[in-house]
């Protein structure tokens, strides 16, 4: 959209330094971006569908520009006739993806779009129930993504497998998986007492079997003929060891980073891509909540404050929420 592109150009011209020096979630939450958005909405966009479409465009352009600027590359403007997924990949890479790449990227975005009542969706919907405006509700969802336990697994897995990247690719022919297996066993053992030792991308709060979305991702990796890639060997060794030792299975994030890398997407925008996809789910929940007109509160019996000794009650000296 030419009007949106012009407004974003003004934002970027005043905040190029911010785009380069901060992470992508901080950029999407920046007040200067919200100010430009508010001006556009108040003047031009009146209904929820228009607001949703413009927010989707806004996120795509900002993430793509962040990707280019942080790599020292020139900005690529959106193509007037490309569909959403193709345009996003085009603006990130600088060259037009082919039909196979576009279809695969679109499917990955769809799979990340909505999945149960997750932390960021909950945050966005709770905010909508108070009557907060759309951008404030989306900002609540983004705030949930800034935490390390939601949305960042894909990037962490990318960092993890890079520690096993061989200097000499020819060693893959005779690569011994024992080093990786030992590492997995050590992390699984330490994770019993240390949350930071948890291997990202394994296990899921909903699925106790292989995440069906992960099964689809592996099929897409097969289409790209990546079965001989070094990172596939690392991921499969981790998966097999974790399943054998603890019966823990991969979730969608486990393989997504490898797929994004194959599509030419840089590591530092993976959380931004997650936000772009999940935005659609947030907006659906936000608009639905607006229609209900009810304030969401947790049931009283699910929230109990336990404090120090008071009024004769012998309560442990702790502060925590159940």
Protein backbone atom coordinates (compact mmCIF):
# COMPACT_ATOMS: atom_id res chain seq x y z
CA UNK A 1 0.00 0.00 0.00
CA UNK A 2 1.59 3.26 -1.16
CA UNK A 3 0.11 5.35 1.67
CA UNK A 4 1.33 2.97 4.32
CA UNK A 5 4.75 2.83 2.68
CA UNK A 6 4.98 6.64 2.78
CA UNK A 7 4.06 6.83 6.47
CA UNK A 8 6.52 4.10 7.36
CA UNK A 9 9.19 5.88 5.39
CA UNK A 10 8.72 8.91 7.63
CA UNK A 11 9.00 6.71 10.73
CA UNK A 12 12.13 5.03 9.44
CA UNK A 13 13.80 8.30 8.48
CA UNK A 14 13.48 9.50 12.08
CA UNK A 15 14.47 6.22 13.72
CA UNK A 16 17.00 4.35 11.57
CA UNK A 17 19.36 4.19 14.54
CA UNK A 18 16.64 2.62 16.65
CA UNK A 19 15.96 -0.01 14.01
CA UNK A 20 19.60 -1.05 13.97
CA UNK A 21 20.37 -1.00 17.69
CA UNK A 22 17.29 -2.65 19.25
CA UNK A 23 15.71 -6.06 18.85
CA UNK A 24 12.73 -6.53 16.55
CA UNK A 25 10.06 -6.81 19.27
CA UNK A 26 11.23 -3.52 20.81
CA UNK A 27 11.00 -1.90 17.39
CA UNK A 28 7.43 -3.14 16.82
CA UNK A 29 6.49 -1.77 20.25
CA UNK A 30 8.15 1.61 19.73
CA UNK A 31 5.93 4.64 20.44
CA UNK A 32 6.97 6.43 17.25
CA UNK A 33 5.58 3.55 15.25
CA UNK A 34 2.38 3.66 17.29
CA UNK A 35 2.06 7.41 16.70
CA UNK A 36 2.30 6.92 12.93
CA UNK A 37 -0.21 4.08 13.20
CA UNK A 38 -2.64 6.18 15.26
CA UNK A 39 -2.50 8.97 12.68
CA UNK A 40 -3.27 6.52 9.87
CA UNK A 41 -6.16 4.86 11.70
CA UNK A 42 -7.84 8.06 12.82
CA UNK A 43 -7.77 9.55 9.36
CA UNK A 44 -8.21 6.59 7.02
CA UNK A 45 -9.26 3.27 8.53
CA UNK A 46 -12.66 2.90 10.17
CA UNK A 47 -13.58 -0.78 10.50
CA UNK A 48 -11.83 -3.74 12.07
CA UNK A 49 -11.05 -5.45 8.77
CA UNK A 50 -9.22 -2.39 7.45
CA UNK A 51 -7.35 -2.01 10.72
CA UNK A 52 -6.32 -5.68 10.63
CA UNK A 53 -5.07 -5.48 7.04
CA UNK A 54 -3.04 -2.35 7.72
CA UNK A 55 -1.49 -3.82 10.88
CA UNK A 56 -0.49 -6.92 8.90
CA UNK A 57 1.12 -4.66 6.29
CA UNK A 58 2.78 -2.55 8.98
CA UNK A 59 4.38 -5.55 10.69
CA UNK A 60 5.61 -7.06 7.43
CA UNK A 61 7.27 -3.85 6.23
CA UNK A 62 8.86 -3.04 9.59
CA UNK A 63 10.30 -6.55 10.06
CA UNK A 64 11.61 -6.63 6.49
CA UNK A 65 13.22 -3.20 6.83
CA UNK A 66 14.76 -4.18 10.15
CA UNK A 67 16.18 -7.27 8.48
CA UNK A 68 17.76 -5.25 5.69
CA UNK A 69 19.08 -2.34 7.78
CA UNK A 70 20.71 -4.55 10.43
CA UNK A 71 22.62 -6.31 7.66
CA UNK A 72 23.74 -3.07 6.05
CA UNK A 73 21.52 -3.61 3.01
CA UNK A 74 19.25 -1.20 1.18
CA UNK A 75 15.53 -1.32 1.83
CA UNK A 76 13.36 -3.25 -0.62
CA UNK A 77 9.89 -1.76 -1.10
CA UNK A 78 6.84 -4.04 -1.34
CA UNK A 79 5.84 -5.21 -4.80
CA UNK A 80 2.41 -4.01 -5.83
CA UNK A 81 1.26 -7.34 -7.29
CA UNK A 82 2.82 -9.94 -4.97
CA UNK A 83 0.74 -11.82 -2.42
CA UNK A 84 1.50 -11.35 1.28
CA UNK A 85 3.95 -14.22 1.91
CA UNK A 86 5.80 -13.70 -1.37
CA UNK A 87 6.05 -9.96 -0.73
CA UNK A 88 7.41 -10.46 2.78
CA UNK A 89 10.08 -12.90 1.62
CA UNK A 90 10.91 -10.61 -1.32
CA UNK A 91 11.39 -7.60 0.98
CA UNK A 92 13.61 -9.62 3.34
CA UNK A 93 15.80 -11.26 0.69
CA UNK A 94 15.81 -8.70 -2.09
CA UNK A 95 14.93 -11.25 -4.78
CA UNK A 96 11.58 -12.77 -5.69
CA UNK A 97 11.02 -16.28 -4.25
CA UNK A 98 9.88 -19.00 -6.62
CA UNK A 99 6.49 -20.69 -6.37
CA UNK A 100 7.75 -23.54 -4.17
CA UNK A 101 9.47 -21.19 -1.71
CA UNK A 102 6.39 -18.96 -1.55
CA UNK A 103 4.04 -21.89 -0.89
CA UNK A 104 6.30 -23.32 1.83
CA UNK A 105 6.73 -19.94 3.54
CA UNK A 106 2.99 -19.31 3.43
CA UNK A 107 2.27 -22.69 5.04
CA UNK A 108 4.74 -22.02 7.85
CA UNK A 109 3.15 -18.64 8.57
CA UNK A 110 -0.30 -20.26 8.65
CA UNK A 111 0.86 -22.93 11.10
CA UNK A 112 2.19 -20.25 13.46
CA UNK A 113 -0.91 -18.08 13.08
CA UNK A 114 -3.02 -19.57 15.86
CA UNK A 115 -2.52 -22.42 18.30
CA UNK A 116 -4.68 -22.89 21.40
CA UNK A 117 -4.98 -20.16 24.01
CA UNK A 118 -1.29 -19.32 24.29
CA UNK A 119 0.40 -16.67 26.43
CA UNK A 120 0.51 -13.85 23.88
CA UNK A 121 -3.05 -14.47 22.68
CA UNK A 122 -4.23 -14.48 26.29
CA UNK A 123 -2.44 -11.16 26.93
CA UNK A 124 -3.98 -9.55 23.84
CA UNK A 125 -7.49 -10.80 24.65
CA UNK A 126 -7.35 -9.76 28.31
CA UNK A 127 -6.40 -6.26 27.15
CA UNK A 128 -9.26 -6.23 24.63
CA UNK A 129 -11.71 -7.09 27.41
CA UNK A 130 -10.81 -3.81 29.16
CA UNK A 131 -11.74 -1.81 26.05
CA UNK A 132 -8.14 -0.99 25.12
CA UNK A 133 -7.62 0.01 21.48
CA UNK A 134 -6.35 -2.46 18.90
CA UNK A 135 -2.73 -1.32 18.96
CA UNK A 136 -2.61 -1.49 22.77
CA UNK A 137 -3.96 -5.04 22.65
CA UNK A 138 -1.39 -6.03 20.02
CA UNK A 139 1.27 -4.36 22.15
CA UNK A 140 0.24 -6.64 25.02
CA UNK A 141 0.76 -9.65 22.76
CA UNK A 142 4.16 -8.32 21.74
CA UNK A 143 5.10 -7.83 25.38
CA UNK A 144 4.44 -11.53 26.01
CA UNK A 145 6.77 -12.35 23.11
CA UNK A 146 9.57 -10.33 24.71
CA UNK A 147 9.88 -12.97 27.44
CA UNK A 148 12.25 -15.89 26.95
CA UNK A 149 9.61 -18.59 27.49
CA UNK A 150 7.32 -17.66 24.59
CA UNK A 151 8.08 -17.09 20.92
CA UNK A 152 11.87 -17.19 21.01
CA UNK A 153 12.45 -20.94 20.75
CA UNK A 154 13.13 -20.92 17.01
CA UNK A 155 16.04 -18.48 17.35
CA UNK A 156 17.46 -20.32 20.37
CA UNK A 157 17.42 -23.60 18.43
CA UNK A 158 19.28 -21.90 15.57
CA UNK A 159 21.98 -20.78 18.02
CA UNK A 160 22.07 -24.26 19.56
CA UNK A 161 22.66 -26.18 16.36
CA UNK A 162 25.29 -23.68 15.21
CA UNK A 163 27.48 -24.82 18.11
CA UNK A 164 27.72 -28.19 16.35
CA UNK A 165 28.38 -26.79 12.86
CA UNK A 166 31.46 -28.55 11.44
CA UNK A 167 34.32 -26.43 10.14
CA UNK A 168 34.94 -28.98 7.40
CA UNK A 169 31.71 -30.10 5.73
CA UNK A 170 33.40 -33.21 4.37
CA UNK A 171 33.40 -34.72 7.87
CA UNK A 172 29.65 -35.24 7.59
CA UNK A 173 30.40 -38.47 5.75
CA UNK A 174 31.93 -39.94 8.89
CA UNK A 175 30.46 -37.66 11.60
CA UNK A 176 30.06 -39.47 14.92
CA UNK A 177 26.84 -38.52 16.73
CA UNK A 178 28.25 -39.40 20.17
CA UNK A 179 29.23 -35.80 21.00
CA UNK A 180 25.69 -34.57 20.32
CA UNK A 181 24.11 -37.49 22.15
CA UNK A 182 26.26 -36.83 25.23
CA UNK A 183 25.33 -33.14 25.13
CA UNK A 184 21.60 -33.97 24.96
CA UNK A 185 21.81 -36.43 27.86
CA UNK A 186 23.66 -33.86 29.97
CA UNK A 187 21.11 -31.13 29.25
CA UNK A 188 18.17 -33.43 29.95
CA UNK A 189 19.68 -34.35 33.31
CA UNK A 190 20.53 -30.78 34.29
CA UNK A 191 17.11 -29.47 33.22
CA UNK A 192 15.57 -31.29 36.20
CA UNK A 193 16.93 -28.58 38.49
CA UNK A 194 17.99 -25.83 36.07
CA UNK A 195 15.29 -24.35 33.74
CA UNK A 196 18.01 -22.72 31.62
CA UNK A 197 19.34 -26.17 30.69
CA UNK A 198 16.09 -27.01 28.90
CA UNK A 199 16.54 -27.87 25.21
CA UNK A 200 14.33 -25.50 23.24
CA UNK A 201 11.99 -27.00 20.67
CA UNK A 202 11.37 -30.22 22.58
CA UNK A 203 8.09 -30.95 24.34
CA UNK A 204 4.82 -29.03 24.34
CA UNK A 205 2.22 -28.11 26.96
CA UNK A 206 -0.57 -29.42 24.73
CA UNK A 207 1.03 -32.28 22.80
CA UNK A 208 2.52 -35.31 24.54
CA UNK A 209 3.31 -36.87 21.18
CA UNK A 210 5.04 -35.45 18.10
CA UNK A 211 3.57 -32.03 17.32
CA UNK A 212 1.59 -32.57 14.08
CA UNK A 213 2.86 -29.22 12.82
CA UNK A 214 6.44 -30.50 13.23
CA UNK A 215 5.50 -33.44 11.00
CA UNK A 216 4.36 -31.00 8.31
CA UNK A 217 7.57 -28.99 8.66
CA UNK A 218 9.73 -32.08 8.12
CA UNK A 219 7.73 -32.77 4.96
CA UNK A 220 8.47 -29.24 3.73
CA UNK A 221 12.17 -29.73 4.49
CA UNK A 222 12.03 -32.88 2.38
CA UNK A 223 10.60 -30.85 -0.51
CA UNK A 224 13.63 -28.59 -0.31
CA UNK A 225 15.90 -31.67 -0.33
CA UNK A 226 17.66 -30.77 2.91
CA UNK A 227 18.07 -34.32 4.24
CA UNK A 228 21.84 -34.14 3.62
CA UNK A 229 22.26 -30.74 5.29
CA UNK A 230 24.51 -30.75 8.39
CA UNK A 231 21.81 -29.12 10.52
CA UNK A 232 19.37 -31.91 9.68
CA UNK A 233 21.91 -34.42 11.06
CA UNK A 234 22.22 -32.38 14.28
CA UNK A 235 18.47 -31.98 14.76
CA UNK A 236 17.73 -35.63 14.07
CA UNK A 237 20.42 -36.75 16.50
CA UNK A 238 18.96 -34.49 19.20
CA UNK A 239 15.43 -35.71 18.45
CA UNK A 240 16.28 -39.40 18.55
CA UNK A 241 18.28 -39.05 21.77
CA UNK A 242 15.55 -37.05 23.53
CA UNK A 243 12.84 -39.49 22.46
CA UNK A 244 14.90 -42.48 23.59
CA UNK A 245 16.01 -41.00 26.91
CA UNK A 246 12.88 -39.14 28.02
CA UNK A 247 10.11 -39.76 25.49
CA UNK A 248 10.13 -36.04 24.62
CA UNK A 249 9.12 -35.10 21.06
CA UNK A 250 9.83 -32.04 18.88
CA UNK A 251 7.38 -29.18 18.49
CA UNK A 252 7.01 -26.91 15.47
CA UNK A 253 9.88 -24.61 16.51
CA UNK A 254 12.40 -27.45 16.49
CA UNK A 255 12.57 -27.59 12.69
CA UNK A 256 11.34 -24.09 11.74
CA UNK A 257 14.73 -22.41 12.06
CA UNK A 258 16.29 -24.82 9.59
CA UNK A 259 13.47 -24.13 7.16
CA UNK A 260 13.78 -20.36 7.52
CA UNK A 261 17.54 -20.58 6.95
CA UNK A 262 16.93 -22.57 3.76
CA UNK A 263 14.59 -19.79 2.59
CA UNK A 264 17.30 -17.15 3.12
CA UNK A 265 15.83 -15.60 6.27
CA UNK A 266 18.33 -14.20 8.84
CA UNK A 267 18.34 -15.32 12.45
CA UNK A 268 17.65 -11.94 14.08
CA UNK A 269 14.07 -11.61 12.78
CA UNK A 270 12.72 -15.05 13.69
CA UNK A 271 10.74 -13.68 16.65
CA UNK A 272 9.49 -10.92 14.36
CA UNK A 273 8.22 -13.53 11.89
CA UNK A 274 6.48 -15.30 14.75
CA UNK A 275 4.80 -11.99 15.64
CA UNK A 276 3.74 -11.44 12.02
CA UNK A 277 2.09 -14.85 11.89
CA UNK A 278 0.57 -14.75 15.38
CA UNK A 279 -0.80 -11.24 14.76
CA UNK A 280 -3.65 -12.79 12.77
CA UNK A 281 -4.69 -14.93 15.73
CA UNK A 282 -4.42 -12.00 18.13
CA UNK A 283 -6.64 -9.83 15.94
CA UNK A 284 -9.30 -12.54 15.64
CA UNK A 285 -9.41 -12.85 19.43
CA UNK A 286 -9.33 -9.07 19.97
CA UNK A 287 -12.26 -8.39 17.64
CA UNK A 288 -14.25 -11.31 19.04
CA UNK A 289 -13.68 -10.03 22.57
CA UNK A 290 -14.83 -6.55 21.59
CA UNK A 291 -18.14 -8.09 20.51
CA UNK A 292 -18.69 -9.83 23.86
CA UNK A 293 -18.26 -6.63 25.86
CA UNK A 294 -17.22 -8.55 28.99
CA UNK A 295 -14.23 -8.00 31.27
CA UNK A 296 -12.11 -11.12 31.61
CA UNK A 297 -10.93 -11.99 35.10
CA UNK A 298 -9.45 -15.23 36.42
CA UNK A 299 -11.80 -17.21 38.69
CA UNK A 300 -11.21 -16.25 42.31
CA UNK A 301 -10.56 -19.84 43.34
CA UNK A 302 -7.68 -20.09 40.84
CA UNK A 303 -5.74 -17.13 42.24
CA UNK A 304 -4.62 -17.25 45.85
CA UNK A 305 -2.11 -14.97 47.54
CA UNK A 306 0.03 -16.67 50.16
CA UNK A 307 1.95 -14.21 52.33
CA UNK A 308 3.79 -14.02 55.63
CA UNK A 309 2.30 -14.84 59.02
CA UNK A 310 -0.78 -12.63 59.54
CA UNK A 311 -3.79 -12.57 61.87
CA UNK A 312 -2.89 -15.80 63.59
CA UNK A 313 -2.55 -17.77 60.34
CA UNK A 314 0.50 -20.01 60.27
CA UNK A 315 1.51 -19.44 56.64
CA UNK A 316 5.04 -20.01 55.25
CA UNK A 317 7.14 -16.90 54.72
CA UNK A 318 6.70 -16.87 50.92
CA UNK A 319 5.04 -14.73 48.28
CA UNK A 320 3.71 -16.56 45.28
CA UNK A 321 0.72 -16.93 43.00
CA UNK A 322 -1.00 -20.27 42.45
